[in-house]
Structure formats: structure tokens, C-alpha cells
Amino acid sequence: MQPRTRPGGRAGAGRGSSPRGQRAGAGRAPSRPTVARRAVSPGGAAMRTRAPQPRRFTSRAILLSLVLLVLLLAYAYPVRVYLAQQAEIEAMEASQQRQAEKVAEMQARAKKWDDPEYVISQARQRLHMVLPGEKPVVVVDPANREETDPTEVPGAPKPPRPWYGKLWSSVEAADKQ
């Protein structure tokens, strides 16, 4: 039988021989661990052992999740402020649109006052004025005639009430609520 050669071309020692002529294992360093043997069951067959389970969360995964959580918390407030500003901008644009419509309506009402016929009709309706040469006529309906108290007429000055009357009316008003 030929001796085995190593990849470099040198002949190596066989399995049972040692380069210095010593027994195998006698020259091992004491710090080198020995290979553990399999556990043998009482029947002589090898027992099946379980492989160690890997840790579910490694320190790198925990660190990565903490970094992601900090980033999420750091971006949450600016995003909330951004969304609030967008809602405020939309509300202001809607308000501006309503104001523009109101201005257009008021301009149309002001433009009506440029027409002399509109001014005359408003003077007759609101102020009961007539043009020169016309006779004003006031129609009084006798069926609609009622005796009214002059103090109940709108715009008429009301007589002052005593202080205890004012106090009692405020108590009654508070009781109604």
C-alpha cells in the first residue's frame, strides 16, 4: 500500500503513526477539549438528543426594533402638525370662498342703488316718501284697530322699575333655566 500524499505533494503519516513516533493523543495540548461522545441508552442504541433552539430575538433584532420605534416616535409629531396645518389651510380656503361670494352679493346690491328707479321705490317703501305733486294716502283698517298701551309700542321709553322688581325678575329668569 502506498502512503497517502498531501496536496502539496508531501507524503503524510498514516492514521496510526505519528511524525515523532509517539502515540496518537499523547502529544495533545491539555487545553484542547476532547470530543464528547454520544449518550448511549441502556439497550446499546444511541439516544437521540435535541439540538439547542436558537434564541427567538437576538440582540441585533431588539436593537433594530428600538431604533425603528424611536424613528416612528420622532416622526409622529411632525406628521400630526403637518396634517393639522393642512386641515387649517382647507378651512381658510373655504372661508375665503364664502367671503368672496358674500362680497360679490354685496357688490350686486350696491350696484342696484345706481338705478334711480330703485332708489325711488325704496324711498316709498321704507320711508313712506312721495314725489312732489303726489298725495300720500294712509289706509286704516277699522277691523284691525286695537287699543295699544303706549308703553308697549316699540321704541317708546319704558318707565323705570324698582330695584326689587329687577331682582325678582332675575331670580325668575334663573329658575327657568
N, C-alpha and C. Protein backbone atom coordinates (compact mmCIF):
# COMPACT_ATOMS: atom_id res chain seq x y z
N MET A 1 0.82 -1.18 0.00
CA MET A 1 0.00 0.00 0.00
C MET A 1 0.87 1.24 0.00
N GLN A 2 0.49 2.18 -0.79
CA GLN A 2 1.29 3.39 -0.90
C GLN A 2 0.87 4.40 0.16
N PRO A 3 1.79 5.16 0.68
CA PRO A 3 1.41 6.18 1.67
C PRO A 3 0.64 7.32 1.00
N ARG A 4 -0.25 7.88 1.75
CA ARG A 4 -1.05 8.99 1.22
C ARG A 4 -0.19 10.24 1.06
N THR A 5 -0.52 10.99 0.03
CA THR A 5 0.22 12.24 -0.18
C THR A 5 -0.70 13.41 0.10
N ARG A 6 -0.11 14.44 0.57
CA ARG A 6 -0.88 15.66 0.84
C ARG A 6 -0.98 16.48 -0.43
N PRO A 7 -1.86 17.48 -0.43
CA PRO A 7 -1.99 18.27 -1.66
C PRO A 7 -0.70 18.92 -2.09
N GLY A 8 0.21 19.19 -1.21
CA GLY A 8 1.47 19.82 -1.58
C GLY A 8 2.46 18.81 -2.16
N GLY A 9 2.12 17.52 -2.17
CA GLY A 9 3.00 16.52 -2.74
C GLY A 9 3.79 15.78 -1.69
N ARG A 10 3.72 16.19 -0.44
CA ARG A 10 4.47 15.52 0.61
C ARG A 10 3.71 14.31 1.09
N ALA A 11 4.43 13.35 1.46
CA ALA A 11 3.80 12.15 1.98
C ALA A 11 3.44 12.39 3.43
N GLY A 12 2.23 12.02 3.80
CA GLY A 12 1.79 12.24 5.16
C GLY A 12 1.82 10.95 5.94
N ALA A 13 1.72 11.09 7.22
CA ALA A 13 1.73 9.92 8.07
C ALA A 13 0.37 9.28 8.01
N GLY A 14 0.38 7.99 8.23
CA GLY A 14 -0.88 7.26 8.23
C GLY A 14 -1.68 7.59 9.46
N ARG A 15 -2.77 6.88 9.57
CA ARG A 15 -3.69 7.16 10.66
C ARG A 15 -3.09 6.76 11.99
N GLY A 16 -2.43 5.69 12.06
CA GLY A 16 -1.92 5.22 13.33
C GLY A 16 -0.53 5.70 13.65
N SER A 17 0.12 6.34 12.72
CA SER A 17 1.50 6.74 13.01
C SER A 17 1.57 8.21 13.31
N SER A 18 2.58 8.58 13.98
CA SER A 18 2.77 9.96 14.38
C SER A 18 4.12 10.39 13.83
N PRO A 19 4.32 11.68 13.53
CA PRO A 19 5.58 12.09 12.93
C PRO A 19 6.75 11.88 13.85
N ARG A 20 6.59 11.88 15.14
CA ARG A 20 7.71 11.74 16.05
C ARG A 20 7.78 10.34 16.65
N GLY A 21 6.93 9.52 16.23
CA GLY A 21 6.97 8.17 16.74
C GLY A 21 6.21 8.02 18.04
N GLN A 22 5.36 9.00 18.38
CA GLN A 22 4.60 8.90 19.61
C GLN A 22 3.22 8.39 19.30
N ARG A 23 2.51 7.99 20.35
CA ARG A 23 1.15 7.51 20.16
C ARG A 23 0.23 8.69 19.88
N ALA A 24 -0.83 8.43 19.18
CA ALA A 24 -1.80 9.48 18.87
C ALA A 24 -2.49 9.90 20.16
N GLY A 25 -2.62 11.15 20.40
CA GLY A 25 -3.29 11.67 21.59
C GLY A 25 -2.32 11.95 22.70
N ALA A 26 -1.13 11.40 22.66
CA ALA A 26 -0.19 11.63 23.73
C ALA A 26 0.41 13.03 23.61
N GLY A 27 0.44 13.59 22.41
CA GLY A 27 1.06 14.89 22.24
C GLY A 27 0.07 16.04 22.23
N ARG A 28 -1.17 15.76 22.56
CA ARG A 28 -2.18 16.83 22.55
C ARG A 28 -1.94 17.80 23.68
N ALA A 29 -2.29 19.00 23.42
CA ALA A 29 -2.18 20.02 24.46
C ALA A 29 -3.29 19.80 25.49
N PRO A 30 -3.03 20.00 26.75
CA PRO A 30 -4.03 19.74 27.77
C PRO A 30 -5.21 20.71 27.69
N SER A 31 -5.06 21.89 27.06
CA SER A 31 -6.16 22.85 26.99
C SER A 31 -7.15 22.50 25.88
N ARG A 32 -6.81 21.61 25.05
CA ARG A 32 -7.69 21.26 23.95
C ARG A 32 -8.78 20.32 24.44
N PRO A 33 -10.04 20.66 24.17
CA PRO A 33 -11.11 19.81 24.69
C PRO A 33 -11.21 18.50 23.92
N THR A 34 -11.69 17.52 24.61
CA THR A 34 -11.90 16.22 23.96
C THR A 34 -13.28 16.20 23.36
N VAL A 35 -13.48 15.37 22.38
CA VAL A 35 -14.76 15.27 21.71
C VAL A 35 -15.72 14.53 22.61
N ALA A 36 -16.91 15.10 22.76
CA ALA A 36 -17.91 14.44 23.62
C ALA A 36 -18.50 13.27 22.86
N ARG A 37 -18.76 12.20 23.60
CA ARG A 37 -19.36 11.02 22.98
C ARG A 37 -20.86 11.10 23.08
N ARG A 38 -21.51 10.41 22.22
CA ARG A 38 -22.97 10.36 22.27
C ARG A 38 -23.40 9.55 23.48
N ALA A 39 -24.55 9.97 23.98
CA ALA A 39 -25.09 9.20 25.10
C ALA A 39 -25.64 7.88 24.58
N VAL A 40 -25.41 6.86 25.32
CA VAL A 40 -25.85 5.53 24.89
C VAL A 40 -26.96 5.08 25.82
N SER A 41 -28.01 4.60 25.24
CA SER A 41 -29.12 4.11 26.05
C SER A 41 -28.77 2.75 26.62
N PRO A 42 -29.51 2.30 27.65
CA PRO A 42 -29.20 1.00 28.25
C PRO A 42 -29.27 -0.15 27.24
N GLY A 43 -30.05 -0.01 26.22
CA GLY A 43 -30.16 -1.08 25.22
C GLY A 43 -29.00 -1.11 24.28
N GLY A 44 -28.12 -0.16 24.30
CA GLY A 44 -26.95 -0.14 23.43
C GLY A 44 -27.11 0.77 22.24
N ALA A 45 -28.31 1.20 21.92
CA ALA A 45 -28.52 2.08 20.76
C ALA A 45 -28.26 3.53 21.17
N ALA A 46 -27.86 4.33 20.24
CA ALA A 46 -27.57 5.74 20.54
C ALA A 46 -28.87 6.48 20.80
N MET A 47 -28.85 7.34 21.84
CA MET A 47 -30.03 8.15 22.15
C MET A 47 -30.04 9.39 21.27
N ARG A 48 -31.22 9.78 20.90
CA ARG A 48 -31.36 10.97 20.08
C ARG A 48 -31.39 12.19 21.02
N THR A 49 -30.55 13.14 20.77
CA THR A 49 -30.52 14.36 21.58
C THR A 49 -31.09 15.50 20.76
N ARG A 50 -31.60 16.48 21.46
CA ARG A 50 -32.18 17.64 20.79
C ARG A 50 -31.10 18.69 20.53
N ALA A 51 -31.23 19.33 19.39
CA ALA A 51 -30.31 20.42 19.08
C ALA A 51 -30.74 21.65 19.87
N PRO A 52 -29.82 22.47 20.29
CA PRO A 52 -30.21 23.67 21.04
C PRO A 52 -31.05 24.60 20.16
N GLN A 53 -32.13 25.14 20.73
CA GLN A 53 -33.03 26.04 19.99
C GLN A 53 -32.40 27.42 19.90
N PRO A 54 -32.45 28.02 18.73
CA PRO A 54 -31.90 29.38 18.61
C PRO A 54 -32.79 30.36 19.38
N ARG A 55 -32.17 31.41 19.85
CA ARG A 55 -32.94 32.43 20.57
C ARG A 55 -33.91 33.09 19.60
N ARG A 56 -35.10 33.38 20.09
CA ARG A 56 -36.13 33.95 19.22
C ARG A 56 -35.78 35.38 18.79
N PHE A 57 -35.37 36.20 19.72
CA PHE A 57 -34.99 37.57 19.40
C PHE A 57 -33.52 37.77 19.77
N THR A 58 -32.76 38.10 18.77
CA THR A 58 -31.35 38.36 19.03
C THR A 58 -31.18 39.81 19.46
N SER A 59 -30.02 40.12 19.95
CA SER A 59 -29.78 41.49 20.40
C SER A 59 -29.81 42.46 19.22
N ARG A 60 -29.43 42.02 18.05
CA ARG A 60 -29.48 42.89 16.87
C ARG A 60 -30.93 43.19 16.49
N ALA A 61 -31.79 42.17 16.57
CA ALA A 61 -33.20 42.39 16.24
C ALA A 61 -33.85 43.34 17.24
N ILE A 62 -33.52 43.20 18.50
CA ILE A 62 -34.08 44.08 19.52
C ILE A 62 -33.58 45.51 19.30
N LEU A 63 -32.31 45.66 19.00
CA LEU A 63 -31.74 46.98 18.76
C LEU A 63 -32.38 47.62 17.53
N LEU A 64 -32.58 46.84 16.47
CA LEU A 64 -33.21 47.36 15.26
C LEU A 64 -34.64 47.79 15.55
N SER A 65 -35.37 47.00 16.30
CA SER A 65 -36.75 47.38 16.62
C SER A 65 -36.79 48.63 17.49
N LEU A 66 -35.86 48.80 18.39
CA LEU A 66 -35.81 50.02 19.20
C LEU A 66 -35.50 51.25 18.35
N VAL A 67 -34.59 51.10 17.40
CA VAL A 67 -34.26 52.22 16.51
C VAL A 67 -35.48 52.59 15.66
N LEU A 68 -36.19 51.59 15.14
CA LEU A 68 -37.39 51.86 14.35
C LEU A 68 -38.47 52.52 15.19
N LEU A 69 -38.61 52.09 16.44
CA LEU A 69 -39.60 52.69 17.34
C LEU A 69 -39.26 54.15 17.63
N VAL A 70 -37.99 54.43 17.87
CA VAL A 70 -37.57 55.82 18.12
C VAL A 70 -37.82 56.68 16.88
N LEU A 71 -37.53 56.15 15.69
CA LEU A 71 -37.80 56.90 14.46
C LEU A 71 -39.28 57.16 14.27
N LEU A 72 -40.10 56.16 14.58
CA LEU A 72 -41.54 56.32 14.46
C LEU A 72 -42.04 57.40 15.40
N LEU A 73 -41.55 57.39 16.63
CA LEU A 73 -41.96 58.41 17.59
C LEU A 73 -41.44 59.78 17.20
N ALA A 74 -40.26 59.83 16.60
CA ALA A 74 -39.69 61.12 16.19
C ALA A 74 -40.48 61.73 15.03
N TYR A 75 -41.02 60.91 14.15
CA TYR A 75 -41.76 61.41 13.00
C TYR A 75 -43.24 61.60 13.29
N ALA A 76 -43.77 61.07 14.36
CA ALA A 76 -45.20 61.15 14.65
C ALA A 76 -45.65 62.58 14.87
N TYR A 77 -44.94 63.35 15.68
CA TYR A 77 -45.36 64.73 15.97
C TYR A 77 -45.31 65.63 14.74
N PRO A 78 -44.23 65.62 13.95
CA PRO A 78 -44.24 66.48 12.76
C PRO A 78 -45.34 66.10 11.76
N VAL A 79 -45.65 64.82 11.64
CA VAL A 79 -46.72 64.41 10.73
C VAL A 79 -48.06 64.92 11.25
N ARG A 80 -48.27 64.85 12.56
CA ARG A 80 -49.52 65.34 13.14
C ARG A 80 -49.65 66.85 12.92
N VAL A 81 -48.56 67.58 13.10
CA VAL A 81 -48.59 69.03 12.88
C VAL A 81 -48.87 69.33 11.41
N TYR A 82 -48.26 68.57 10.51
CA TYR A 82 -48.49 68.76 9.08
C TYR A 82 -49.95 68.54 8.72
N LEU A 83 -50.55 67.47 9.24
CA LEU A 83 -51.95 67.20 8.94
C LEU A 83 -52.87 68.27 9.52
N ALA A 84 -52.54 68.78 10.71
CA ALA A 84 -53.34 69.85 11.30
C ALA A 84 -53.24 71.12 10.46
N GLN A 85 -52.06 71.41 9.96
CA GLN A 85 -51.88 72.59 9.12
C GLN A 85 -52.65 72.45 7.80
N GLN A 86 -52.65 71.25 7.24
CA GLN A 86 -53.41 71.03 6.00
C GLN A 86 -54.90 71.24 6.22
N ALA A 87 -55.41 70.76 7.36
CA ALA A 87 -56.83 70.95 7.67
C ALA A 87 -57.14 72.43 7.88
N GLU A 88 -56.22 73.15 8.53
CA GLU A 88 -56.41 74.58 8.75
C GLU A 88 -56.39 75.34 7.42
N ILE A 89 -55.52 74.94 6.51
CA ILE A 89 -55.45 75.59 5.20
C ILE A 89 -56.76 75.37 4.44
N GLU A 90 -57.29 74.15 4.49
CA GLU A 90 -58.55 73.87 3.80
C GLU A 90 -59.69 74.69 4.40
N ALA A 91 -59.71 74.83 5.72
CA ALA A 91 -60.76 75.62 6.37
C ALA A 91 -60.65 77.08 5.97
N MET A 92 -59.43 77.60 5.88
CA MET A 92 -59.25 79.00 5.50
C MET A 92 -59.64 79.23 4.03
N GLU A 93 -59.33 78.26 3.17
CA GLU A 93 -59.72 78.41 1.77
C GLU A 93 -61.24 78.40 1.62
N ALA A 94 -61.93 77.55 2.41
CA ALA A 94 -63.39 77.53 2.37
C ALA A 94 -63.96 78.84 2.88
N SER A 95 -63.36 79.38 3.95
CA SER A 95 -63.80 80.67 4.49
C SER A 95 -63.57 81.79 3.47
N GLN A 96 -62.45 81.73 2.80
CA GLN A 96 -62.15 82.74 1.79
C GLN A 96 -63.15 82.66 0.63
N GLN A 97 -63.54 81.46 0.26
CA GLN A 97 -64.53 81.28 -0.81
C GLN A 97 -65.88 81.88 -0.39
N ARG A 98 -66.29 81.63 0.88
CA ARG A 98 -67.55 82.19 1.37
C ARG A 98 -67.49 83.72 1.39
N GLN A 99 -66.36 84.26 1.80
CA GLN A 99 -66.20 85.71 1.84
C GLN A 99 -66.27 86.30 0.43
N ALA A 100 -65.69 85.61 -0.53
CA ALA A 100 -65.73 86.11 -1.92
C ALA A 100 -67.16 86.12 -2.44
N GLU A 101 -67.94 85.09 -2.10
CA GLU A 101 -69.35 85.04 -2.52
C GLU A 101 -70.14 86.17 -1.86
N LYS A 102 -69.85 86.43 -0.58
CA LYS A 102 -70.55 87.50 0.15
C LYS A 102 -70.20 88.86 -0.45
N VAL A 103 -68.96 89.08 -0.82
CA VAL A 103 -68.54 90.34 -1.42
C VAL A 103 -69.23 90.53 -2.77
N ALA A 104 -69.33 89.46 -3.55
CA ALA A 104 -70.00 89.56 -4.86
C ALA A 104 -71.48 89.90 -4.68
N GLU A 105 -72.12 89.31 -3.67
CA GLU A 105 -73.53 89.61 -3.40
C GLU A 105 -73.70 91.07 -2.97
N MET A 106 -72.82 91.55 -2.12
CA MET A 106 -72.91 92.95 -1.67
C MET A 106 -72.64 93.94 -2.80
N GLN A 107 -71.74 93.57 -3.69
CA GLN A 107 -71.47 94.45 -4.84
C GLN A 107 -72.69 94.52 -5.75
N ALA A 108 -73.40 93.38 -5.89
CA ALA A 108 -74.61 93.39 -6.71
C ALA A 108 -75.68 94.25 -6.06
N ARG A 109 -75.80 94.17 -4.73
CA ARG A 109 -76.78 95.02 -4.03
C ARG A 109 -76.41 96.49 -4.14
N ALA A 110 -75.14 96.81 -4.06
CA ALA A 110 -74.70 98.21 -4.17
C ALA A 110 -74.92 98.73 -5.59
N LYS A 111 -74.80 97.87 -6.56
CA LYS A 111 -74.98 98.29 -7.96
C LYS A 111 -76.45 98.66 -8.22
N LYS A 112 -77.39 98.04 -7.46
CA LYS A 112 -78.80 98.37 -7.63
C LYS A 112 -79.07 99.83 -7.25
N TRP A 113 -78.32 100.36 -6.32
CA TRP A 113 -78.56 101.73 -5.86
C TRP A 113 -78.14 102.76 -6.91
N ASP A 114 -77.46 102.36 -7.95
CA ASP A 114 -77.12 103.28 -9.04
C ASP A 114 -78.33 103.57 -9.93
N ASP A 115 -79.34 102.73 -9.86
CA ASP A 115 -80.56 102.90 -10.67
C ASP A 115 -81.51 103.86 -9.93
N PRO A 116 -81.90 104.99 -10.56
CA PRO A 116 -82.80 105.95 -9.89
C PRO A 116 -84.17 105.35 -9.57
N GLU A 117 -84.69 104.48 -10.38
CA GLU A 117 -85.99 103.87 -10.11
C GLU A 117 -85.95 103.02 -8.84
N TYR A 118 -84.85 102.33 -8.61
CA TYR A 118 -84.71 101.51 -7.40
C TYR A 118 -84.66 102.40 -6.15
N VAL A 119 -83.98 103.54 -6.26
CA VAL A 119 -83.88 104.47 -5.13
C VAL A 119 -85.27 105.02 -4.80
N ILE A 120 -86.06 105.37 -5.82
CA ILE A 120 -87.41 105.91 -5.60
C ILE A 120 -88.30 104.85 -4.95
N SER A 121 -88.22 103.63 -5.44
CA SER A 121 -89.07 102.58 -4.87
C SER A 121 -88.69 102.27 -3.42
N GLN A 122 -87.43 102.32 -3.10
CA GLN A 122 -87.01 102.07 -1.72
C GLN A 122 -87.41 103.22 -0.81
N ALA A 123 -87.37 104.46 -1.30
CA ALA A 123 -87.80 105.62 -0.51
C ALA A 123 -89.29 105.53 -0.21
N ARG A 124 -90.09 105.13 -1.18
CA ARG A 124 -91.53 104.98 -0.95
C ARG A 124 -91.82 103.84 0.03
N GLN A 125 -91.11 102.73 -0.13
CA GLN A 125 -91.39 101.55 0.70
C GLN A 125 -90.87 101.72 2.12
N ARG A 126 -89.67 102.17 2.28
CA ARG A 126 -89.06 102.23 3.61
C ARG A 126 -89.40 103.51 4.37
N LEU A 127 -89.37 104.62 3.69
CA LEU A 127 -89.52 105.92 4.37
C LEU A 127 -90.89 106.56 4.16
N HIS A 128 -91.76 105.93 3.38
CA HIS A 128 -93.10 106.46 3.08
C HIS A 128 -93.02 107.87 2.49
N MET A 129 -92.10 108.06 1.60
CA MET A 129 -91.93 109.35 0.93
C MET A 129 -92.69 109.32 -0.40
N VAL A 130 -93.06 110.50 -0.86
CA VAL A 130 -93.74 110.62 -2.15
C VAL A 130 -93.03 111.68 -2.97
N LEU A 131 -93.24 111.64 -4.27
CA LEU A 131 -92.66 112.63 -5.16
C LEU A 131 -93.47 113.93 -5.06
N PRO A 132 -92.87 115.03 -5.44
CA PRO A 132 -93.63 116.30 -5.41
C PRO A 132 -94.84 116.21 -6.36
N GLY A 133 -95.97 116.67 -5.84
CA GLY A 133 -97.20 116.66 -6.64
C GLY A 133 -98.07 115.44 -6.34
N GLU A 134 -97.56 114.46 -5.67
CA GLU A 134 -98.36 113.29 -5.31
C GLU A 134 -98.94 113.49 -3.93
N LYS A 135 -100.10 112.86 -3.66
CA LYS A 135 -100.72 112.97 -2.36
C LYS A 135 -100.54 111.64 -1.63
N PRO A 136 -99.96 111.69 -0.42
CA PRO A 136 -99.81 110.43 0.34
C PRO A 136 -101.16 110.00 0.94
N VAL A 137 -101.43 108.73 0.91
CA VAL A 137 -102.67 108.18 1.45
C VAL A 137 -102.29 107.08 2.42
N VAL A 138 -102.88 107.13 3.65
CA VAL A 138 -102.65 106.10 4.64
C VAL A 138 -103.98 105.40 4.85
N VAL A 139 -104.02 104.11 4.67
CA VAL A 139 -105.23 103.33 4.81
C VAL A 139 -105.25 102.74 6.21
N VAL A 140 -106.35 102.99 6.91
CA VAL A 140 -106.51 102.46 8.26
C VAL A 140 -107.64 101.45 8.20
N ASP A 141 -107.36 100.25 8.66
CA ASP A 141 -108.35 99.18 8.64
C ASP A 141 -109.09 99.19 9.98
N PRO A 142 -110.37 99.51 10.00
CA PRO A 142 -111.07 99.56 11.28
C PRO A 142 -111.20 98.19 11.94
N ALA A 143 -111.19 97.13 11.20
CA ALA A 143 -111.30 95.79 11.80
C ALA A 143 -110.01 95.41 12.52
N ASN A 144 -108.97 96.04 12.15
CA ASN A 144 -107.66 95.71 12.73
C ASN A 144 -107.29 96.67 13.85
N ARG A 145 -108.21 97.52 14.25
CA ARG A 145 -107.92 98.55 15.23
C ARG A 145 -107.97 97.95 16.63
N GLU A 146 -106.90 98.08 17.36
CA GLU A 146 -106.81 97.58 18.73
C GLU A 146 -106.28 98.70 19.61
N GLU A 147 -106.72 98.66 20.86
CA GLU A 147 -106.19 99.62 21.81
C GLU A 147 -104.81 99.14 22.25
N THR A 148 -103.83 99.94 22.08
CA THR A 148 -102.48 99.56 22.47
C THR A 148 -102.01 100.47 23.57
N ASP A 149 -101.24 99.90 24.46
CA ASP A 149 -100.63 100.66 25.54
C ASP A 149 -99.43 101.41 24.97
N PRO A 150 -99.31 102.70 25.22
CA PRO A 150 -98.18 103.43 24.63
C PRO A 150 -96.83 102.95 25.12
N THR A 151 -96.79 102.27 26.28
CA THR A 151 -95.50 101.76 26.77
C THR A 151 -95.08 100.50 26.02
N GLU A 152 -96.02 99.85 25.33
CA GLU A 152 -95.69 98.62 24.60
C GLU A 152 -95.30 98.89 23.15
N VAL A 153 -95.40 100.11 22.74
CA VAL A 153 -95.03 100.46 21.38
C VAL A 153 -93.52 100.36 21.27
N PRO A 154 -93.02 99.71 20.23
CA PRO A 154 -91.57 99.60 20.08
C PRO A 154 -90.94 100.98 19.94
N GLY A 155 -89.88 101.20 20.64
CA GLY A 155 -89.16 102.46 20.59
C GLY A 155 -89.62 103.45 21.64
N ALA A 156 -90.74 103.17 22.32
CA ALA A 156 -91.22 104.08 23.36
C ALA A 156 -90.41 103.84 24.62
N PRO A 157 -90.10 104.89 25.36
CA PRO A 157 -89.33 104.69 26.60
C PRO A 157 -90.18 104.00 27.66
N LYS A 158 -89.60 103.04 28.34
CA LYS A 158 -90.31 102.30 29.38
C LYS A 158 -90.03 102.97 30.72
N PRO A 159 -91.05 103.00 31.59
CA PRO A 159 -90.81 103.60 32.90
C PRO A 159 -89.85 102.74 33.71
N PRO A 160 -89.03 103.33 34.54
CA PRO A 160 -88.08 102.55 35.32
C PRO A 160 -88.78 101.68 36.36
N ARG A 161 -88.27 100.48 36.55
CA ARG A 161 -88.84 99.58 37.55
C ARG A 161 -88.06 99.71 38.84
N PRO A 162 -88.70 99.41 39.96
CA PRO A 162 -87.97 99.47 41.22
C PRO A 162 -86.93 98.36 41.29
N TRP A 163 -85.95 98.50 42.18
CA TRP A 163 -84.83 97.57 42.26
C TRP A 163 -85.27 96.17 42.64
N TYR A 164 -86.30 96.05 43.49
CA TYR A 164 -86.74 94.72 43.90
C TYR A 164 -87.45 94.00 42.75
N GLY A 165 -88.06 94.75 41.85
CA GLY A 165 -88.68 94.13 40.67
C GLY A 165 -87.62 93.56 39.74
N LYS A 166 -86.53 94.29 39.58
CA LYS A 166 -85.42 93.79 38.76
C LYS A 166 -84.81 92.54 39.38
N LEU A 167 -84.65 92.56 40.71
CA LEU A 167 -84.06 91.41 41.41
C LEU A 167 -84.94 90.18 41.25
N TRP A 168 -86.26 90.36 41.44
CA TRP A 168 -87.18 89.23 41.34
C TRP A 168 -87.23 88.68 39.91
N SER A 169 -87.18 89.54 38.90
CA SER A 169 -87.20 89.06 37.51
C SER A 169 -85.92 88.27 37.18
N SER A 170 -84.79 88.66 37.79
CA SER A 170 -83.56 87.88 37.55
C SER A 170 -83.65 86.52 38.23
N VAL A 171 -84.31 86.44 39.41
CA VAL A 171 -84.49 85.15 40.07
C VAL A 171 -85.40 84.25 39.24
N GLU A 172 -86.47 84.82 38.69
CA GLU A 172 -87.38 84.04 37.83
C GLU A 172 -86.67 83.56 36.57
N ALA A 173 -85.84 84.40 36.00
CA ALA A 173 -85.12 84.03 34.77
C ALA A 173 -84.13 82.90 35.08
N ALA A 174 -83.49 82.95 36.24
CA ALA A 174 -82.55 81.88 36.60
C ALA A 174 -83.28 80.58 36.89
N ASP A 175 -84.50 80.67 37.40
CA ASP A 175 -85.28 79.48 37.72
C ASP A 175 -85.77 78.78 36.45
N LYS A 176 -85.99 79.51 35.38
CA LYS A 176 -86.48 78.93 34.13
C LYS A 176 -85.45 78.04 33.47
N GLN A 177 -84.19 78.30 33.69
CA GLN A 177 -83.14 77.50 33.07
C GLN A 177 -83.05 76.17 33.74
